[in-house]
């Protein structure tokens, strides 16, 4: 543990990546207390891959963006110093995180099958499920940023999903998301598609809306299937592979 801590701390001293390195160290330490060291390392790296997807996409669109910052038991985020100029740019940056995160989870899945690793299989499940969770269509989650290209009113569809999740498995994180989402949901209720500022921001071609909408639904469906399939595989792994 000390060696890993020192390694990550040294990485955290690299200029503007200091915040990322230090908050990664804190997150690894926090998760390791609950789940063990190597699961914590893998889990934080999967979150990093997700956030780097957003980071790269934002840079591709010419936006000034900060490096990822980690918050234990919440996740991570990147600061967009330049706001997107339109809903299509926001959707592009929003969907890049789940796409990269899905690729990371898929890599863990194939490596788990190749080496019969319970650890990697558990990490793949975490990756699939967390990226699926992020696709709930409500701001500030990625799903809210993606579906805004259709209409902010789509965010209202995320309310029963959050309520259902809280009833199924109460969590302080869901309460935090609800608090952050409340102003956005009020904005969705009051949304006027004919207002000049909304026409300028959300005036996206129907073809682009269809493209993002279908990709969003396809990615959500794939993550749902993989989350279920991998979860069903976890109990069936031989005991020797769990060590």
Protein backbone atom coordinates (compact mmCIF):
# COMPACT_ATOMS: atom_id res chain seq x y z
CA UNK A 1 0.00 0.00 0.00
CA UNK A 2 2.79 2.45 0.93
CA UNK A 3 4.62 1.77 -2.33
CA UNK A 4 1.48 2.38 -4.38
CA UNK A 5 0.71 5.52 -2.40
CA UNK A 6 4.19 6.87 -3.07
CA UNK A 7 3.97 6.04 -6.77
CA UNK A 8 0.63 7.77 -7.24
CA UNK A 9 1.72 10.74 -5.17
CA UNK A 10 4.79 11.19 -7.33
CA UNK A 11 2.58 11.09 -10.41
CA UNK A 12 0.37 13.70 -8.80
CA UNK A 13 3.25 16.19 -8.75
CA UNK A 14 3.32 16.51 -12.52
CA UNK A 15 2.24 20.10 -13.02
CA UNK A 16 -1.43 20.64 -13.81
CA UNK A 17 -2.15 16.94 -13.16
CA UNK A 18 -1.41 17.39 -9.44
CA UNK A 19 -5.10 17.54 -8.57
CA UNK A 20 -5.84 14.41 -10.55
CA UNK A 21 -2.95 12.47 -9.01
CA UNK A 22 -3.68 13.54 -5.45
CA UNK A 23 -7.42 12.93 -5.64
CA UNK A 24 -6.78 9.55 -7.26
CA UNK A 25 -4.55 8.63 -4.30
CA UNK A 26 -7.27 9.66 -1.85
CA UNK A 27 -9.92 7.71 -3.77
CA UNK A 28 -7.78 4.57 -4.01
CA UNK A 29 -7.13 4.74 -0.28
CA UNK A 30 -10.83 5.24 0.53
CA UNK A 31 -12.06 2.45 -1.75
CA UNK A 32 -9.29 0.12 -0.56
CA UNK A 33 -10.57 0.36 3.00
CA UNK A 34 -13.86 -1.16 1.86
CA UNK A 35 -13.10 -3.27 -1.21
CA UNK A 36 -9.39 -4.09 -1.04
CA UNK A 37 -6.37 -2.54 -2.72
CA UNK A 38 -6.40 -4.00 -6.23
CA UNK A 39 -10.11 -3.60 -6.73
CA UNK A 40 -9.73 0.02 -5.61
CA UNK A 41 -6.91 0.61 -8.09
CA UNK A 42 -8.88 -0.93 -10.96
CA UNK A 43 -12.06 0.91 -10.05
CA UNK A 44 -10.35 4.30 -9.93
CA UNK A 45 -8.64 3.60 -13.26
CA UNK A 46 -12.01 2.76 -14.83
CA UNK A 47 -13.37 6.09 -13.60
CA UNK A 48 -10.28 7.80 -15.03
CA UNK A 49 -10.89 6.22 -18.44
CA UNK A 50 -14.47 7.50 -18.36
CA UNK A 51 -13.39 11.03 -17.48
CA UNK A 52 -10.64 11.05 -20.08
CA UNK A 53 -13.32 10.33 -22.65
CA UNK A 54 -14.99 13.61 -21.69
CA UNK A 55 -11.63 15.38 -21.58
CA UNK A 56 -10.54 14.30 -25.05
CA UNK A 57 -13.96 15.07 -26.57
CA UNK A 58 -13.98 18.55 -25.04
CA UNK A 59 -10.51 19.27 -26.38
CA UNK A 60 -11.57 18.00 -29.81
CA UNK A 61 -14.34 20.59 -29.82
CA UNK A 62 -11.92 23.35 -28.80
CA UNK A 63 -13.20 23.75 -25.25
CA UNK A 64 -10.91 24.71 -22.39
CA UNK A 65 -11.28 21.93 -19.86
CA UNK A 66 -9.72 21.03 -16.54
CA UNK A 67 -8.17 17.68 -15.69
CA UNK A 68 -10.25 15.05 -13.84
CA UNK A 69 -10.86 15.50 -10.12
CA UNK A 70 -11.85 12.48 -8.02
CA UNK A 71 -14.28 12.41 -5.09
CA UNK A 72 -14.36 9.14 -3.11
CA UNK A 73 -17.71 7.31 -3.25
CA UNK A 74 -19.08 9.94 -5.62
CA UNK A 75 -16.93 9.52 -8.73
CA UNK A 76 -15.03 12.17 -10.63
CA UNK A 77 -15.64 15.20 -12.78
CA UNK A 78 -13.91 17.55 -15.20
CA UNK A 79 -14.44 21.28 -15.20
CA UNK A 80 -15.53 22.77 -18.50
CA UNK A 81 -13.94 26.21 -18.37
CA UNK A 82 -15.60 26.97 -21.72
CA UNK A 83 -19.27 26.05 -21.89
CA UNK A 84 -20.49 24.18 -24.99
CA UNK A 85 -21.79 26.49 -27.71
CA UNK A 86 -24.77 24.30 -28.58
CA UNK A 87 -26.63 21.16 -27.55
CA UNK A 88 -24.81 18.99 -30.09
CA UNK A 89 -21.42 19.88 -28.60
CA UNK A 90 -22.76 19.19 -25.11
CA UNK A 91 -24.10 15.81 -26.24
CA UNK A 92 -20.80 14.96 -27.96
CA UNK A 93 -18.78 15.66 -24.82
CA UNK A 94 -21.39 13.96 -22.65
CA UNK A 95 -21.54 10.69 -24.55
CA UNK A 96 -17.76 10.38 -24.90
CA UNK A 97 -17.39 9.47 -21.21
CA UNK A 98 -19.74 6.46 -21.26
CA UNK A 99 -18.26 5.31 -24.57
CA UNK A 100 -14.72 5.35 -23.15
CA UNK A 101 -15.94 3.84 -19.88
CA UNK A 102 -17.70 1.04 -21.74
CA UNK A 103 -14.50 0.29 -23.64
CA UNK A 104 -12.60 0.09 -20.33
CA UNK A 105 -15.20 -2.25 -18.82
CA UNK A 106 -15.16 -4.38 -21.96
CA UNK A 107 -11.38 -4.69 -21.76
CA UNK A 108 -11.70 -5.92 -18.16
CA UNK A 109 -14.37 -8.38 -19.27
CA UNK A 110 -12.26 -9.96 -22.01
CA UNK A 111 -9.19 -10.11 -19.78
CA UNK A 112 -11.30 -11.70 -17.04
CA UNK A 113 -12.50 -14.39 -19.43
CA UNK A 114 -9.00 -14.91 -20.80
CA UNK A 115 -7.33 -15.31 -17.39
CA UNK A 116 -10.32 -16.56 -15.37
CA UNK A 117 -10.00 -13.57 -13.04
CA UNK A 118 -12.77 -12.87 -10.54
CA UNK A 119 -11.24 -9.48 -9.79
CA UNK A 120 -11.33 -8.33 -13.40
CA UNK A 121 -14.83 -9.71 -13.85
CA UNK A 122 -16.02 -7.75 -10.81
CA UNK A 123 -14.37 -4.64 -12.21
CA UNK A 124 -16.03 -5.15 -15.58
CA UNK A 125 -19.42 -5.40 -13.87
CA UNK A 126 -18.73 -2.20 -11.94
CA UNK A 127 -17.72 -0.46 -15.17
CA UNK A 128 -20.78 -1.58 -17.12
CA UNK A 129 -23.20 -0.74 -14.32
CA UNK A 130 -21.73 2.67 -13.45
CA UNK A 131 -21.73 3.78 -17.08
CA UNK A 132 -25.33 2.59 -17.39
CA UNK A 133 -26.22 4.56 -14.26
CA UNK A 134 -24.58 7.62 -15.79
CA UNK A 135 -26.94 7.37 -18.75
CA UNK A 136 -30.03 8.11 -16.65
CA UNK A 137 -31.58 11.02 -18.56
CA UNK A 138 -31.30 13.71 -15.93
CA UNK A 139 -28.76 16.48 -15.46
CA UNK A 140 -26.10 16.56 -14.07
CA UNK A 141 -25.54 12.94 -15.18
CA UNK A 142 -24.15 12.28 -18.65
CA UNK A 143 -27.53 11.01 -19.80
CA UNK A 144 -28.99 14.44 -19.13
CA UNK A 145 -26.31 16.13 -21.18
CA UNK A 146 -26.84 13.71 -24.07
CA UNK A 147 -30.64 13.75 -24.16
CA UNK A 148 -30.75 17.55 -23.96
CA UNK A 149 -30.10 17.45 -27.70
CA UNK A 150 -33.68 16.16 -28.04
CA UNK A 151 -35.19 18.46 -25.41
CA UNK A 152 -34.50 19.31 -21.76
CA UNK A 153 -38.00 17.98 -21.09
CA UNK A 154 -36.60 14.49 -21.54
CA UNK A 155 -34.98 15.00 -18.13
CA UNK A 156 -38.40 14.53 -16.55
CA UNK A 157 -38.25 10.88 -17.63
CA UNK A 158 -35.27 10.42 -15.33
CA UNK A 159 -37.29 11.27 -12.21
CA UNK A 160 -39.15 7.94 -11.89
CA UNK A 161 -35.88 6.10 -12.57
CA UNK A 162 -34.14 7.88 -9.70
CA UNK A 163 -37.14 7.34 -7.42
CA UNK A 164 -37.26 3.65 -8.33
CA UNK A 165 -33.55 3.23 -7.66
CA UNK A 166 -33.88 4.93 -4.29
CA UNK A 167 -36.79 2.67 -3.30
CA UNK A 168 -34.83 -0.39 -4.48
CA UNK A 169 -31.57 0.61 -2.82
CA UNK A 170 -31.51 3.86 -0.81
CA UNK A 171 -28.25 5.75 -1.15
CA UNK A 172 -26.90 9.17 -0.10
CA UNK A 173 -25.49 9.48 -3.63
CA UNK A 174 -28.99 9.34 -5.09
CA UNK A 175 -30.09 12.05 -2.68
CA UNK A 176 -27.13 14.21 -3.77
CA UNK A 177 -27.99 13.67 -7.44
CA UNK A 178 -31.61 14.60 -6.75
CA UNK A 179 -30.53 17.82 -5.05
CA UNK A 180 -28.25 18.75 -7.96
CA UNK A 181 -30.92 17.78 -10.49
CA UNK A 182 -33.75 19.79 -8.89
CA UNK A 183 -32.88 23.17 -10.51
CA UNK A 184 -32.41 21.47 -13.88
CA UNK A 185 -35.76 19.72 -13.60
CA UNK A 186 -37.45 23.02 -12.83
CA UNK A 187 -35.72 24.44 -15.89
CA UNK A 188 -37.09 21.54 -17.94
CA UNK A 189 -40.62 22.18 -16.71
CA UNK A 190 -40.38 25.85 -17.69
CA UNK A 191 -38.57 25.13 -20.97
CA UNK A 192 -39.86 27.21 -23.87
CA UNK A 193 -38.64 25.76 -27.19
CA UNK A 194 -39.57 28.97 -28.98
CA UNK A 195 -37.46 31.30 -26.86
CA UNK A 196 -34.63 32.83 -28.95
CA UNK A 197 -31.89 31.63 -26.60
CA UNK A 198 -33.28 28.09 -26.66
CA UNK A 199 -33.63 28.11 -30.43
CA UNK A 200 -29.98 29.18 -30.70
CA UNK A 201 -28.72 26.50 -28.30
CA UNK A 202 -31.08 23.59 -28.96
CA UNK A 203 -31.73 24.25 -32.64
CA UNK A 204 -30.10 21.01 -33.81
CA UNK A 205 -30.93 19.30 -37.10
CA UNK A 206 -33.39 16.40 -36.83
CA UNK A 207 -30.80 14.07 -38.39
CA UNK A 208 -28.34 14.81 -35.59
CA UNK A 209 -31.04 14.33 -32.97
CA UNK A 210 -31.90 10.94 -34.48
CA UNK A 211 -28.24 9.94 -34.59
CA UNK A 212 -27.59 10.78 -30.95
CA UNK A 213 -30.93 9.38 -29.81
CA UNK A 214 -30.35 6.00 -31.44
CA UNK A 215 -26.75 5.82 -30.25
CA UNK A 216 -27.84 6.68 -26.71
CA UNK A 217 -30.53 3.99 -26.68
CA UNK A 218 -28.18 1.42 -28.21
CA UNK A 219 -25.43 2.12 -25.69
CA UNK A 220 -27.89 2.00 -22.78
CA UNK A 221 -29.30 -1.31 -24.00
CA UNK A 222 -25.83 -2.80 -24.45
CA UNK A 223 -24.74 -1.72 -20.98
CA UNK A 224 -27.94 -3.10 -19.45
CA UNK A 225 -27.40 -6.48 -21.11
CA UNK A 226 -23.73 -6.64 -20.15
CA UNK A 227 -24.43 -5.56 -16.56
CA UNK A 228 -26.97 -8.35 -16.21
CA UNK A 229 -24.86 -10.99 -17.94
CA UNK A 230 -21.69 -10.25 -15.98
CA UNK A 231 -23.61 -10.06 -12.71
CA UNK A 232 -25.00 -13.53 -13.42
CA UNK A 233 -21.50 -14.81 -14.12
CA UNK A 234 -19.99 -13.62 -10.84
CA UNK A 235 -21.44 -16.31 -8.54
CA UNK A 236 -20.38 -19.06 -10.93
CA UNK A 237 -16.65 -18.36 -10.79
CA UNK A 238 -14.67 -21.17 -9.11
CA UNK A 239 -13.62 -20.42 -5.53
CA UNK A 240 -9.92 -20.64 -6.46
CA UNK A 241 -10.35 -17.77 -8.90
CA UNK A 242 -11.70 -15.50 -6.17
CA UNK A 243 -8.43 -15.43 -4.22
